[in-house]
C-alpha cells in the first residue's frame, strides 16, 4: 500500500466531511461568545479548556506537582518508549493486531472505566485526606495523602492490568495495547467527569443534575 492514494485520499475525504459537518452544525446551533471577562466576578467553577480537564480533575485528588508535572511527564515518556519496546513489524497497521488484542482492549477499557470512576467517587464521598485525618490528624495534609497514597494507588492499579491480561498470553504488542487502552480510557473518563460532572465549587454532580450556572 502506498501513501497515495491509500492514505491521503481517506484523510482528504475525512477532512472534507468534517469541514462540511461543522458548517452544517453552525447553521442550526447557536454558540455565542460570553460577555467580556470581569476580574471582579470569577465564574464558579473556573474550569480549564476541555482538553486540560483531565489534569484539572487530577489536581483535585493529589499534589499539584504530582498531577501537573510528574504524572504527565511519565505518561509522555512511556508513550514515546512504546516503539522501542514493541519492535516487531508484523501485523503493523491492523486494528488491535489480533482478535486477542481486541478482547484485551475491551476488557481493559471496562476495567479502567470502573476503576477511574470508582476512585473519583471514593475520594469525593470518603476522601483520602479525611481517612488519614481520622487515623492521625497530622496526616490530613502533607506527603502521605497527596503524594505517597496516590502514587501507590496508580502503581497498584496499573500493575493489575498485567494480571488481568496474563490469561490471554499476550504478545509484547498486545501488552502495549492494554496499557495504551488504559491510558486513553482513563483520560477520556477524567475529561468527561471534569467537564460534565463538576458544578459550583467543583462539587461532583450527575450530568443531568447540575445546578444552573451562577451569575
N, C-alpha and C. Protein backbone atom coordinates (compact mmCIF):
# COMPACT_ATOMS: atom_id res chain seq x y z
N UNK A 1 0.84 -1.20 0.00
CA UNK A 1 0.00 0.00 0.00
C UNK A 1 0.88 1.25 0.00
N UNK A 2 0.53 2.19 -0.83
CA UNK A 2 1.30 3.43 -0.95
C UNK A 2 0.57 4.57 -0.24
N UNK A 3 1.34 5.62 0.02
CA UNK A 3 0.74 6.79 0.69
C UNK A 3 -0.36 7.39 -0.18
N UNK A 4 -0.07 7.49 -1.49
CA UNK A 4 -1.10 7.96 -2.44
C UNK A 4 -1.53 6.79 -3.31
N UNK A 5 -2.78 6.46 -3.39
CA UNK A 5 -3.93 7.18 -2.80
C UNK A 5 -4.47 6.55 -1.52
N UNK A 6 -3.84 5.46 -1.04
CA UNK A 6 -4.45 4.68 0.03
C UNK A 6 -4.52 5.44 1.36
N UNK A 7 -3.58 6.34 1.62
CA UNK A 7 -3.59 7.09 2.88
C UNK A 7 -4.17 8.49 2.69
N UNK A 8 -3.67 9.21 1.69
CA UNK A 8 -4.07 10.61 1.55
C UNK A 8 -5.53 10.77 1.14
N UNK A 9 -6.06 9.89 0.31
CA UNK A 9 -7.45 10.03 -0.10
C UNK A 9 -8.42 9.88 1.07
N UNK A 10 -8.30 8.85 1.91
CA UNK A 10 -9.19 8.78 3.09
C UNK A 10 -9.03 9.98 4.01
N UNK A 11 -7.78 10.45 4.19
CA UNK A 11 -7.58 11.63 5.04
C UNK A 11 -8.24 12.86 4.43
N UNK A 12 -8.12 13.03 3.12
CA UNK A 12 -8.75 14.17 2.46
C UNK A 12 -10.26 14.11 2.59
N UNK A 13 -10.84 12.92 2.37
CA UNK A 13 -12.29 12.77 2.49
C UNK A 13 -12.76 13.02 3.92
N UNK A 14 -12.00 12.54 4.90
CA UNK A 14 -12.36 12.76 6.30
C UNK A 14 -12.32 14.25 6.63
N UNK A 15 -11.30 14.96 6.13
CA UNK A 15 -11.21 16.40 6.37
C UNK A 15 -12.37 17.14 5.72
N UNK A 16 -12.72 16.75 4.49
CA UNK A 16 -13.82 17.41 3.80
C UNK A 16 -15.15 17.17 4.53
N UNK A 17 -15.39 15.93 4.97
CA UNK A 17 -16.63 15.63 5.69
C UNK A 17 -16.70 16.38 7.02
N UNK A 18 -15.57 16.47 7.72
CA UNK A 18 -15.55 17.20 8.98
C UNK A 18 -15.85 18.68 8.76
N UNK A 19 -15.25 19.26 7.72
CA UNK A 19 -15.50 20.68 7.43
C UNK A 19 -16.95 20.93 7.08
N UNK A 20 -17.51 20.08 6.21
CA UNK A 20 -18.92 20.23 5.84
C UNK A 20 -19.82 20.05 7.07
N UNK A 21 -19.49 19.07 7.92
CA UNK A 21 -20.29 18.84 9.13
C UNK A 21 -20.28 20.04 10.06
N UNK A 22 -19.11 20.67 10.24
CA UNK A 22 -19.03 21.84 11.10
C UNK A 22 -19.83 23.01 10.53
N UNK A 23 -19.79 23.17 9.19
CA UNK A 23 -20.56 24.25 8.57
C UNK A 23 -22.06 24.03 8.76
N UNK A 24 -22.50 22.79 8.56
CA UNK A 24 -23.92 22.48 8.74
C UNK A 24 -24.34 22.70 10.19
N UNK A 25 -23.50 22.26 11.13
CA UNK A 25 -23.82 22.47 12.54
C UNK A 25 -23.93 23.95 12.88
N UNK A 26 -23.06 24.78 12.27
CA UNK A 26 -23.07 26.22 12.58
C UNK A 26 -24.35 26.88 12.10
N UNK A 27 -25.06 26.28 11.14
CA UNK A 27 -26.33 26.84 10.68
C UNK A 27 -27.44 26.62 11.70
N UNK A 28 -27.39 25.51 12.42
CA UNK A 28 -28.51 25.13 13.29
C UNK A 28 -28.23 25.33 14.78
N UNK A 29 -26.96 25.41 15.16
CA UNK A 29 -26.60 25.50 16.58
C UNK A 29 -25.95 26.86 16.83
N UNK A 30 -26.56 27.63 17.71
CA UNK A 30 -26.03 28.94 18.06
C UNK A 30 -25.02 28.79 19.20
N UNK A 31 -23.83 29.28 18.99
CA UNK A 31 -22.79 29.18 20.01
C UNK A 31 -22.20 30.57 20.26
N UNK A 32 -22.97 31.45 20.92
CA UNK A 32 -22.48 32.83 21.12
C UNK A 32 -21.36 32.89 22.14
N UNK A 33 -20.54 33.90 22.02
CA UNK A 33 -19.50 34.15 23.00
C UNK A 33 -20.12 34.75 24.25
N UNK A 34 -19.48 34.50 25.38
CA UNK A 34 -19.95 35.12 26.61
C UNK A 34 -19.48 36.56 26.68
N UNK A 35 -19.91 37.25 27.71
CA UNK A 35 -19.52 38.64 27.88
C UNK A 35 -18.03 38.74 28.19
N UNK A 36 -17.51 39.96 28.11
CA UNK A 36 -16.10 40.18 28.42
C UNK A 36 -15.82 39.75 29.86
N UNK A 37 -14.63 39.26 30.07
CA UNK A 37 -14.28 38.79 31.41
C UNK A 37 -14.25 39.95 32.40
N UNK A 38 -14.69 39.66 33.60
CA UNK A 38 -14.73 40.64 34.67
C UNK A 38 -13.90 40.12 35.83
N UNK A 39 -12.74 40.74 36.11
CA UNK A 39 -11.88 40.23 37.19
C UNK A 39 -12.53 40.30 38.56
N UNK A 40 -13.59 41.09 38.70
CA UNK A 40 -14.27 41.21 39.98
C UNK A 40 -15.34 40.14 40.18
N UNK A 41 -15.59 39.32 39.13
CA UNK A 41 -16.61 38.28 39.23
C UNK A 41 -16.09 37.02 38.55
N UNK A 42 -15.42 36.21 39.33
CA UNK A 42 -14.84 34.98 38.80
C UNK A 42 -15.93 33.93 38.66
N UNK A 43 -16.04 33.29 37.50
CA UNK A 43 -17.07 32.25 37.35
C UNK A 43 -16.83 31.08 38.29
N UNK A 44 -17.91 30.48 38.73
CA UNK A 44 -17.83 29.34 39.63
C UNK A 44 -18.59 28.16 39.01
N UNK A 45 -17.89 27.10 38.62
CA UNK A 45 -16.45 26.91 38.79
C UNK A 45 -15.65 27.52 37.65
N UNK A 46 -14.39 27.81 37.92
CA UNK A 46 -13.48 28.27 36.89
C UNK A 46 -12.74 27.06 36.36
N UNK A 47 -13.07 26.66 35.13
CA UNK A 47 -12.53 25.42 34.57
C UNK A 47 -11.52 25.70 33.48
N UNK A 48 -10.61 24.76 33.30
CA UNK A 48 -9.64 24.81 32.22
C UNK A 48 -10.34 24.45 30.91
N UNK A 49 -9.68 24.66 29.76
CA UNK A 49 -10.23 24.14 28.50
C UNK A 49 -10.47 22.64 28.61
N UNK A 50 -11.42 22.13 27.83
CA UNK A 50 -11.84 20.73 27.99
C UNK A 50 -10.68 19.76 27.86
N UNK A 51 -9.69 20.09 26.99
CA UNK A 51 -8.59 19.15 26.79
C UNK A 51 -7.61 19.15 27.97
N UNK A 52 -7.77 20.06 28.93
CA UNK A 52 -6.97 20.03 30.15
C UNK A 52 -7.81 19.63 31.37
N UNK A 53 -9.08 19.30 31.14
CA UNK A 53 -9.93 18.97 32.27
C UNK A 53 -9.48 17.70 32.97
N UNK A 54 -8.83 16.79 32.22
CA UNK A 54 -8.31 15.58 32.88
C UNK A 54 -7.26 15.92 33.92
N UNK A 55 -6.37 16.86 33.57
CA UNK A 55 -5.35 17.27 34.53
C UNK A 55 -5.97 18.04 35.69
N UNK A 56 -6.96 18.89 35.39
CA UNK A 56 -7.60 19.63 36.47
C UNK A 56 -8.33 18.68 37.42
N UNK A 57 -8.90 17.61 36.86
CA UNK A 57 -9.54 16.62 37.71
C UNK A 57 -8.51 15.93 38.61
N UNK A 58 -7.35 15.62 38.06
CA UNK A 58 -6.29 15.01 38.88
C UNK A 58 -5.85 15.94 40.00
N UNK A 59 -5.85 17.26 39.72
CA UNK A 59 -5.42 18.22 40.74
C UNK A 59 -6.30 18.19 41.98
N UNK A 60 -7.55 17.73 41.82
CA UNK A 60 -8.46 17.66 42.97
C UNK A 60 -8.12 16.50 43.90
N UNK A 61 -7.31 15.56 43.42
CA UNK A 61 -7.10 14.33 44.18
C UNK A 61 -5.67 14.12 44.65
N UNK A 62 -4.74 14.96 44.21
CA UNK A 62 -3.35 14.75 44.59
C UNK A 62 -2.58 16.06 44.55
N UNK A 63 -1.32 16.00 44.90
CA UNK A 63 -0.46 17.19 44.94
C UNK A 63 -0.33 17.80 43.54
N UNK A 64 -0.36 19.14 43.42
CA UNK A 64 -0.26 19.76 42.09
C UNK A 64 0.99 19.37 41.32
N UNK A 65 2.11 19.22 42.01
CA UNK A 65 3.35 18.83 41.32
C UNK A 65 3.25 17.43 40.75
N UNK A 66 2.57 16.54 41.48
CA UNK A 66 2.41 15.17 41.01
C UNK A 66 1.42 15.11 39.85
N UNK A 67 0.28 15.80 40.00
CA UNK A 67 -0.76 15.74 38.97
C UNK A 67 -0.41 16.55 37.73
N UNK A 68 0.27 17.68 37.91
CA UNK A 68 0.50 18.58 36.78
C UNK A 68 1.83 18.42 36.10
N UNK A 69 2.80 17.76 36.76
CA UNK A 69 4.15 17.66 36.19
C UNK A 69 4.61 16.21 36.09
N UNK A 70 4.64 15.52 37.21
CA UNK A 70 5.26 14.19 37.24
C UNK A 70 4.45 13.18 36.45
N UNK A 71 3.14 13.11 36.72
CA UNK A 71 2.30 12.12 36.02
C UNK A 71 2.28 12.36 34.51
N UNK A 72 2.03 13.60 34.02
CA UNK A 72 2.07 13.79 32.56
C UNK A 72 3.43 13.49 31.94
N UNK A 73 4.52 13.82 32.66
CA UNK A 73 5.86 13.55 32.14
C UNK A 73 6.10 12.05 32.01
N UNK A 74 5.72 11.29 33.02
CA UNK A 74 5.90 9.84 32.97
C UNK A 74 5.07 9.24 31.84
N UNK A 75 3.84 9.72 31.66
CA UNK A 75 2.99 9.20 30.60
C UNK A 75 3.59 9.48 29.23
N UNK A 76 4.09 10.70 29.02
CA UNK A 76 4.70 11.05 27.73
C UNK A 76 5.93 10.20 27.46
N UNK A 77 6.73 9.96 28.49
CA UNK A 77 7.93 9.13 28.32
C UNK A 77 7.54 7.70 27.96
N UNK A 78 6.53 7.18 28.64
CA UNK A 78 6.09 5.81 28.36
C UNK A 78 5.50 5.69 26.96
N UNK A 79 4.73 6.69 26.52
CA UNK A 79 4.18 6.66 25.17
C UNK A 79 5.30 6.70 24.13
N UNK A 80 6.31 7.53 24.39
CA UNK A 80 7.43 7.62 23.45
C UNK A 80 8.26 6.35 23.42
N UNK A 81 8.22 5.57 24.52
CA UNK A 81 9.03 4.36 24.59
C UNK A 81 8.38 3.16 23.93
N UNK A 82 7.07 3.24 23.63
CA UNK A 82 6.36 2.09 23.05
C UNK A 82 7.02 1.59 21.77
N UNK A 83 7.39 2.46 20.81
CA UNK A 83 8.00 1.94 19.57
C UNK A 83 9.33 1.23 19.80
N UNK A 84 10.01 1.57 20.90
CA UNK A 84 11.29 0.93 21.19
C UNK A 84 11.11 -0.37 21.97
N UNK A 85 9.93 -0.55 22.57
CA UNK A 85 9.63 -1.81 23.27
C UNK A 85 9.02 -2.81 22.30
N UNK A 86 8.07 -2.35 21.51
CA UNK A 86 7.42 -3.20 20.51
C UNK A 86 8.11 -2.98 19.17
N UNK A 87 9.11 -3.79 18.90
CA UNK A 87 9.92 -3.62 17.68
C UNK A 87 9.51 -4.59 16.58
N UNK A 88 8.50 -5.41 16.84
CA UNK A 88 8.05 -6.36 15.83
C UNK A 88 7.21 -5.64 14.78
N UNK A 89 7.53 -5.82 13.53
CA UNK A 89 6.81 -5.14 12.44
C UNK A 89 5.64 -5.96 11.89
N UNK A 90 5.42 -7.16 12.39
CA UNK A 90 4.30 -7.97 11.90
C UNK A 90 2.98 -7.39 12.38
N UNK A 91 1.96 -7.54 11.56
CA UNK A 91 0.60 -7.05 11.85
C UNK A 91 0.56 -5.54 12.06
N UNK A 92 1.55 -4.83 11.54
CA UNK A 92 1.54 -3.38 11.67
C UNK A 92 0.39 -2.79 10.86
N UNK A 93 -0.34 -1.87 11.46
CA UNK A 93 -1.46 -1.22 10.78
C UNK A 93 -2.78 -1.93 10.95
N UNK A 94 -2.81 -3.06 11.65
CA UNK A 94 -4.06 -3.77 11.90
C UNK A 94 -4.63 -3.33 13.24
N UNK A 95 -5.92 -3.02 13.25
CA UNK A 95 -6.55 -2.61 14.49
C UNK A 95 -6.42 -3.72 15.54
N UNK A 96 -5.85 -3.36 16.69
CA UNK A 96 -5.70 -4.25 17.84
C UNK A 96 -4.85 -5.49 17.53
N UNK A 97 -4.21 -5.53 16.36
CA UNK A 97 -3.26 -6.57 15.97
C UNK A 97 -3.92 -7.91 15.70
N UNK A 98 -4.79 -8.37 16.63
CA UNK A 98 -5.36 -9.72 16.52
C UNK A 98 -6.67 -9.77 17.29
N UNK A 99 -7.45 -10.83 17.13
CA UNK A 99 -8.66 -10.98 17.95
C UNK A 99 -8.37 -10.94 19.44
N UNK A 100 -7.22 -11.49 19.84
CA UNK A 100 -6.84 -11.45 21.26
C UNK A 100 -6.61 -10.01 21.69
N UNK A 101 -5.94 -9.24 20.83
CA UNK A 101 -5.70 -7.84 21.15
C UNK A 101 -7.00 -7.05 21.29
N UNK A 102 -8.00 -7.39 20.49
CA UNK A 102 -9.29 -6.72 20.59
C UNK A 102 -9.98 -7.06 21.90
N UNK A 103 -9.92 -8.34 22.29
CA UNK A 103 -10.52 -8.73 23.56
C UNK A 103 -9.82 -8.03 24.73
N UNK A 104 -8.50 -7.96 24.65
CA UNK A 104 -7.74 -7.30 25.71
C UNK A 104 -8.13 -5.83 25.81
N UNK A 105 -8.28 -5.17 24.66
CA UNK A 105 -8.65 -3.75 24.66
C UNK A 105 -10.02 -3.55 25.29
N UNK A 106 -10.97 -4.43 24.99
CA UNK A 106 -12.31 -4.30 25.55
C UNK A 106 -12.29 -4.52 27.06
N UNK A 107 -11.58 -5.55 27.50
CA UNK A 107 -11.51 -5.86 28.93
C UNK A 107 -10.86 -4.72 29.69
N UNK A 108 -9.75 -4.20 29.18
CA UNK A 108 -9.05 -3.12 29.87
C UNK A 108 -9.84 -1.83 29.84
N UNK A 109 -10.59 -1.60 28.76
CA UNK A 109 -11.43 -0.40 28.71
C UNK A 109 -12.49 -0.44 29.81
N UNK A 110 -13.12 -1.60 29.99
CA UNK A 110 -14.13 -1.74 31.05
C UNK A 110 -13.48 -1.61 32.43
N UNK A 111 -12.35 -2.29 32.61
CA UNK A 111 -11.64 -2.23 33.88
C UNK A 111 -11.23 -0.80 34.23
N UNK A 112 -10.66 -0.07 33.28
CA UNK A 112 -10.19 1.28 33.54
C UNK A 112 -11.35 2.22 33.84
N UNK A 113 -12.46 2.06 33.13
CA UNK A 113 -13.62 2.91 33.39
C UNK A 113 -14.13 2.71 34.82
N UNK A 114 -14.27 1.45 35.22
CA UNK A 114 -14.76 1.16 36.58
C UNK A 114 -13.80 1.69 37.64
N UNK A 115 -12.51 1.46 37.45
CA UNK A 115 -11.51 1.88 38.43
C UNK A 115 -11.46 3.41 38.53
N UNK A 116 -11.43 4.09 37.39
CA UNK A 116 -11.32 5.54 37.40
C UNK A 116 -12.53 6.19 38.06
N UNK A 117 -13.72 5.75 37.66
CA UNK A 117 -14.93 6.30 38.28
C UNK A 117 -14.98 5.95 39.76
N UNK A 118 -14.62 4.72 40.10
CA UNK A 118 -14.63 4.30 41.50
C UNK A 118 -13.69 5.12 42.37
N UNK A 119 -12.50 5.41 41.87
CA UNK A 119 -11.54 6.19 42.65
C UNK A 119 -12.01 7.63 42.84
N UNK A 120 -12.59 8.21 41.79
CA UNK A 120 -13.10 9.58 41.91
C UNK A 120 -14.24 9.64 42.93
N UNK A 121 -15.16 8.70 42.84
CA UNK A 121 -16.29 8.67 43.78
C UNK A 121 -15.81 8.41 45.20
N UNK A 122 -14.85 7.50 45.36
CA UNK A 122 -14.32 7.20 46.69
C UNK A 122 -13.69 8.44 47.30
N UNK A 123 -12.86 9.15 46.53
CA UNK A 123 -12.17 10.31 47.08
C UNK A 123 -13.15 11.44 47.38
N UNK A 124 -14.27 11.49 46.63
CA UNK A 124 -15.23 12.57 46.87
C UNK A 124 -16.08 12.29 48.11
N UNK A 125 -16.59 11.08 48.24
CA UNK A 125 -17.51 10.78 49.34
C UNK A 125 -16.80 10.36 50.62
N UNK A 126 -15.63 9.77 50.51
CA UNK A 126 -14.87 9.35 51.70
C UNK A 126 -13.64 10.23 51.86
N UNK A 127 -12.78 10.25 50.84
CA UNK A 127 -11.64 11.16 50.85
C UNK A 127 -10.41 10.56 51.51
N UNK A 128 -9.32 10.58 50.78
CA UNK A 128 -8.07 10.07 51.34
C UNK A 128 -7.60 10.97 52.48
N UNK A 129 -7.71 12.27 52.31
CA UNK A 129 -7.27 13.19 53.36
C UNK A 129 -8.10 13.00 54.62
N UNK A 130 -9.42 12.87 54.45
CA UNK A 130 -10.29 12.66 55.62
C UNK A 130 -9.99 11.33 56.29
N UNK A 131 -9.73 10.30 55.49
CA UNK A 131 -9.43 8.98 56.04
C UNK A 131 -8.13 9.01 56.84
N UNK A 132 -7.11 9.68 56.28
CA UNK A 132 -5.84 9.80 57.00
C UNK A 132 -6.00 10.66 58.25
N UNK A 133 -6.86 11.71 58.14
CA UNK A 133 -7.08 12.56 59.31
C UNK A 133 -7.77 11.83 60.45
N UNK A 134 -8.64 10.85 60.09
CA UNK A 134 -9.29 10.06 61.13
C UNK A 134 -8.29 9.15 61.85
N UNK A 135 -7.26 8.73 61.14
CA UNK A 135 -6.23 7.90 61.76
C UNK A 135 -5.30 8.74 62.62
N UNK A 136 -4.86 9.86 62.02
CA UNK A 136 -3.96 10.77 62.73
C UNK A 136 -4.16 12.16 62.14
N UNK A 137 -4.59 13.14 62.95
CA UNK A 137 -4.85 14.47 62.40
C UNK A 137 -3.66 15.07 61.66
N UNK A 138 -2.44 14.69 62.04
CA UNK A 138 -1.27 15.23 61.38
C UNK A 138 -1.10 14.70 59.96
N UNK A 139 -1.77 13.60 59.63
CA UNK A 139 -1.65 13.01 58.30
C UNK A 139 -2.69 13.54 57.33
N UNK A 140 -3.52 14.48 57.78
CA UNK A 140 -4.57 15.00 56.90
C UNK A 140 -3.98 15.76 55.71
N UNK A 141 -2.86 16.40 55.92
CA UNK A 141 -2.17 17.11 54.85
C UNK A 141 -0.72 16.63 54.79
N UNK A 142 -0.07 16.94 53.70
CA UNK A 142 1.34 16.58 53.57
C UNK A 142 1.57 15.53 52.50
N UNK A 143 2.73 14.89 52.56
CA UNK A 143 3.16 13.97 51.52
C UNK A 143 2.35 12.69 51.48
N UNK A 144 1.88 12.22 52.63
CA UNK A 144 1.20 10.92 52.66
C UNK A 144 -0.10 10.93 51.86
N UNK A 145 -1.08 11.82 52.15
CA UNK A 145 -2.33 11.76 51.39
C UNK A 145 -2.25 12.37 49.99
N UNK A 146 -1.28 13.26 49.76
CA UNK A 146 -1.24 13.99 48.50
C UNK A 146 -0.25 13.42 47.49
N UNK A 147 0.74 12.66 47.97
CA UNK A 147 1.77 12.14 47.06
C UNK A 147 1.91 10.63 47.17
N UNK A 148 2.17 10.15 48.37
CA UNK A 148 2.50 8.73 48.55
C UNK A 148 1.32 7.83 48.21
N UNK A 149 0.16 8.10 48.81
CA UNK A 149 -1.01 7.24 48.56
C UNK A 149 -1.46 7.30 47.11
N UNK A 150 -1.60 8.48 46.48
CA UNK A 150 -1.97 8.48 45.05
C UNK A 150 -0.96 7.74 44.18
N UNK A 151 0.33 7.86 44.50
CA UNK A 151 1.36 7.16 43.71
C UNK A 151 1.20 5.66 43.85
N UNK A 152 1.00 5.19 45.07
CA UNK A 152 0.83 3.75 45.30
C UNK A 152 -0.42 3.24 44.60
N UNK A 153 -1.52 4.01 44.69
CA UNK A 153 -2.77 3.59 44.06
C UNK A 153 -2.61 3.48 42.55
N UNK A 154 -1.98 4.49 41.92
CA UNK A 154 -1.77 4.44 40.47
C UNK A 154 -0.88 3.27 40.07
N UNK A 155 0.14 3.00 40.87
CA UNK A 155 1.04 1.88 40.56
C UNK A 155 0.32 0.55 40.69
N UNK A 156 -0.46 0.38 41.76
CA UNK A 156 -1.13 -0.89 42.00
C UNK A 156 -2.14 -1.19 40.89
N UNK A 157 -2.96 -0.22 40.55
CA UNK A 157 -3.98 -0.47 39.53
C UNK A 157 -3.37 -0.59 38.13
N UNK A 158 -2.24 0.07 37.90
CA UNK A 158 -1.55 -0.10 36.62
C UNK A 158 -0.91 -1.49 36.54
N UNK A 159 -0.33 -1.93 37.64
CA UNK A 159 0.31 -3.25 37.66
C UNK A 159 -0.75 -4.35 37.56
N UNK A 160 -1.96 -4.07 38.05
CA UNK A 160 -3.03 -5.07 38.00
C UNK A 160 -3.44 -5.38 36.56
N UNK A 161 -3.18 -4.45 35.64
CA UNK A 161 -3.51 -4.70 34.24
C UNK A 161 -2.79 -5.94 33.74
N UNK A 162 -1.54 -6.12 34.17
CA UNK A 162 -0.79 -7.29 33.72
C UNK A 162 -1.44 -8.58 34.19
N UNK A 163 -1.92 -8.62 35.43
CA UNK A 163 -2.56 -9.83 35.94
C UNK A 163 -3.89 -10.10 35.24
N UNK A 164 -4.55 -9.03 34.80
CA UNK A 164 -5.82 -9.21 34.11
C UNK A 164 -5.61 -9.82 32.73
N UNK A 165 -4.58 -9.36 32.02
CA UNK A 165 -4.38 -9.82 30.64
C UNK A 165 -3.50 -11.06 30.57
N UNK A 166 -2.87 -11.46 31.65
CA UNK A 166 -1.95 -12.59 31.61
C UNK A 166 -2.62 -13.88 31.13
N UNK A 167 -3.90 -14.17 31.51
CA UNK A 167 -4.53 -15.40 30.98
C UNK A 167 -4.66 -15.41 29.46
N UNK A 168 -4.62 -14.25 28.82
CA UNK A 168 -4.71 -14.20 27.36
C UNK A 168 -3.39 -14.58 26.68
N UNK A 169 -2.32 -14.73 27.49
CA UNK A 169 -0.97 -14.99 26.96
C UNK A 169 -0.61 -13.97 25.88
N UNK A 170 -0.58 -12.71 26.27
CA UNK A 170 -0.40 -11.65 25.26
C UNK A 170 1.03 -11.56 24.75
N UNK A 171 1.15 -11.08 23.52
CA UNK A 171 2.46 -10.73 22.98
C UNK A 171 2.85 -9.35 23.52
N UNK A 172 4.07 -8.93 23.20
CA UNK A 172 4.52 -7.62 23.66
C UNK A 172 3.60 -6.52 23.13
N UNK A 173 3.20 -6.65 21.85
CA UNK A 173 2.32 -5.63 21.28
C UNK A 173 0.98 -5.61 21.99
N UNK A 174 0.44 -6.75 22.31
CA UNK A 174 -0.85 -6.80 22.99
C UNK A 174 -0.76 -6.23 24.41
N UNK A 175 0.40 -6.39 25.05
CA UNK A 175 0.61 -5.74 26.34
C UNK A 175 0.60 -4.22 26.17
N UNK A 176 1.29 -3.74 25.12
CA UNK A 176 1.31 -2.31 24.85
C UNK A 176 -0.10 -1.80 24.54
N UNK A 177 -0.88 -2.60 23.82
CA UNK A 177 -2.26 -2.23 23.52
C UNK A 177 -3.07 -2.09 24.81
N UNK A 178 -2.84 -3.00 25.74
CA UNK A 178 -3.56 -2.96 27.01
C UNK A 178 -3.27 -1.68 27.77
N UNK A 179 -1.99 -1.33 27.89
CA UNK A 179 -1.63 -0.14 28.66
C UNK A 179 -2.02 1.14 27.92
N UNK A 180 -1.91 1.14 26.61
CA UNK A 180 -2.32 2.32 25.86
C UNK A 180 -3.84 2.51 25.96
N UNK A 181 -4.58 1.40 25.91
CA UNK A 181 -6.04 1.49 26.08
C UNK A 181 -6.39 2.03 27.45
N UNK A 182 -5.70 1.54 28.47
CA UNK A 182 -5.94 2.04 29.82
C UNK A 182 -5.70 3.53 29.94
N UNK A 183 -4.61 4.00 29.32
CA UNK A 183 -4.30 5.43 29.37
C UNK A 183 -5.38 6.25 28.68
N UNK A 184 -5.76 5.85 27.47
CA UNK A 184 -6.74 6.61 26.69
C UNK A 184 -8.09 6.64 27.41
N UNK A 185 -8.54 5.50 27.90
CA UNK A 185 -9.85 5.44 28.56
C UNK A 185 -9.84 6.27 29.85
N UNK A 186 -8.77 6.17 30.63
CA UNK A 186 -8.69 6.97 31.86
C UNK A 186 -8.73 8.46 31.55
N UNK A 187 -8.03 8.86 30.51
CA UNK A 187 -8.00 10.28 30.13
C UNK A 187 -9.38 10.75 29.67
N UNK A 188 -10.09 9.90 28.92
CA UNK A 188 -11.43 10.24 28.45
C UNK A 188 -12.39 10.34 29.64
N UNK A 189 -12.33 9.39 30.54
CA UNK A 189 -13.24 9.39 31.70
C UNK A 189 -12.99 10.61 32.57
N UNK A 190 -11.72 10.93 32.83
CA UNK A 190 -11.40 12.11 33.64
C UNK A 190 -11.85 13.39 32.96
N UNK A 191 -11.70 13.44 31.63
CA UNK A 191 -12.17 14.62 30.90
C UNK A 191 -13.67 14.76 31.01
N UNK A 192 -14.40 13.65 30.87
CA UNK A 192 -15.86 13.70 30.97
C UNK A 192 -16.30 14.12 32.37
N UNK A 193 -15.68 13.55 33.39
CA UNK A 193 -16.05 13.90 34.76
C UNK A 193 -15.79 15.38 35.02
N UNK A 194 -14.62 15.86 34.64
CA UNK A 194 -14.30 17.26 34.88
C UNK A 194 -15.16 18.21 34.09
N UNK A 195 -15.57 17.81 32.89
CA UNK A 195 -16.35 18.68 32.03
C UNK A 195 -17.83 18.65 32.36
N UNK A 196 -18.39 17.47 32.55
CA UNK A 196 -19.84 17.31 32.66
C UNK A 196 -20.34 16.99 34.05
N UNK A 197 -19.45 16.77 35.03
CA UNK A 197 -19.91 16.34 36.34
C UNK A 197 -19.38 17.20 37.48
N UNK A 198 -18.76 18.33 37.14
CA UNK A 198 -18.26 19.23 38.17
C UNK A 198 -19.03 20.55 38.10
N UNK A 199 -19.73 20.88 39.19
CA UNK A 199 -20.50 22.10 39.24
C UNK A 199 -19.86 23.15 40.11
N UNK A 200 -20.65 24.07 40.67
CA UNK A 200 -20.10 25.13 41.54
C UNK A 200 -19.26 24.56 42.66
N UNK A 201 -18.11 25.21 42.88
CA UNK A 201 -17.20 24.72 43.91
C UNK A 201 -16.53 23.42 43.54
N UNK A 202 -16.62 23.03 42.26
CA UNK A 202 -16.08 21.76 41.78
C UNK A 202 -16.68 20.56 42.52
N UNK A 203 -17.93 20.74 42.97
CA UNK A 203 -18.65 19.63 43.60
C UNK A 203 -19.05 18.63 42.51
N UNK A 204 -19.19 17.37 42.91
CA UNK A 204 -19.50 16.30 41.96
C UNK A 204 -21.01 16.16 41.82
N UNK A 205 -21.50 16.19 40.57
CA UNK A 205 -22.92 16.03 40.28
C UNK A 205 -23.07 15.05 39.13
N UNK A 206 -24.25 14.45 39.03
CA UNK A 206 -24.58 13.72 37.82
C UNK A 206 -24.80 14.74 36.71
N UNK A 207 -24.48 14.40 35.46
CA UNK A 207 -24.60 15.40 34.38
C UNK A 207 -25.99 16.01 34.27
N UNK A 208 -27.06 15.23 34.53
CA UNK A 208 -28.42 15.73 34.39
C UNK A 208 -28.90 16.46 35.65
N UNK A 209 -28.07 16.50 36.69
CA UNK A 209 -28.47 17.13 37.94
C UNK A 209 -27.63 18.36 38.27
N UNK A 210 -26.86 18.85 37.29
CA UNK A 210 -26.03 20.01 37.56
C UNK A 210 -26.91 21.22 37.87
N UNK A 211 -26.57 22.00 38.90
CA UNK A 211 -27.35 23.21 39.19
C UNK A 211 -27.13 24.27 38.12
N UNK A 212 -28.04 25.22 37.98
CA UNK A 212 -27.86 26.27 36.98
C UNK A 212 -26.60 27.07 37.24
N UNK A 213 -26.02 27.59 36.15
CA UNK A 213 -24.79 28.35 36.28
C UNK A 213 -25.04 29.61 37.08
N UNK A 214 -24.13 29.88 38.01
CA UNK A 214 -24.26 31.06 38.84
C UNK A 214 -23.90 32.32 38.05
N UNK A 215 -24.62 33.40 38.33
CA UNK A 215 -24.35 34.66 37.63
C UNK A 215 -23.12 35.33 38.22
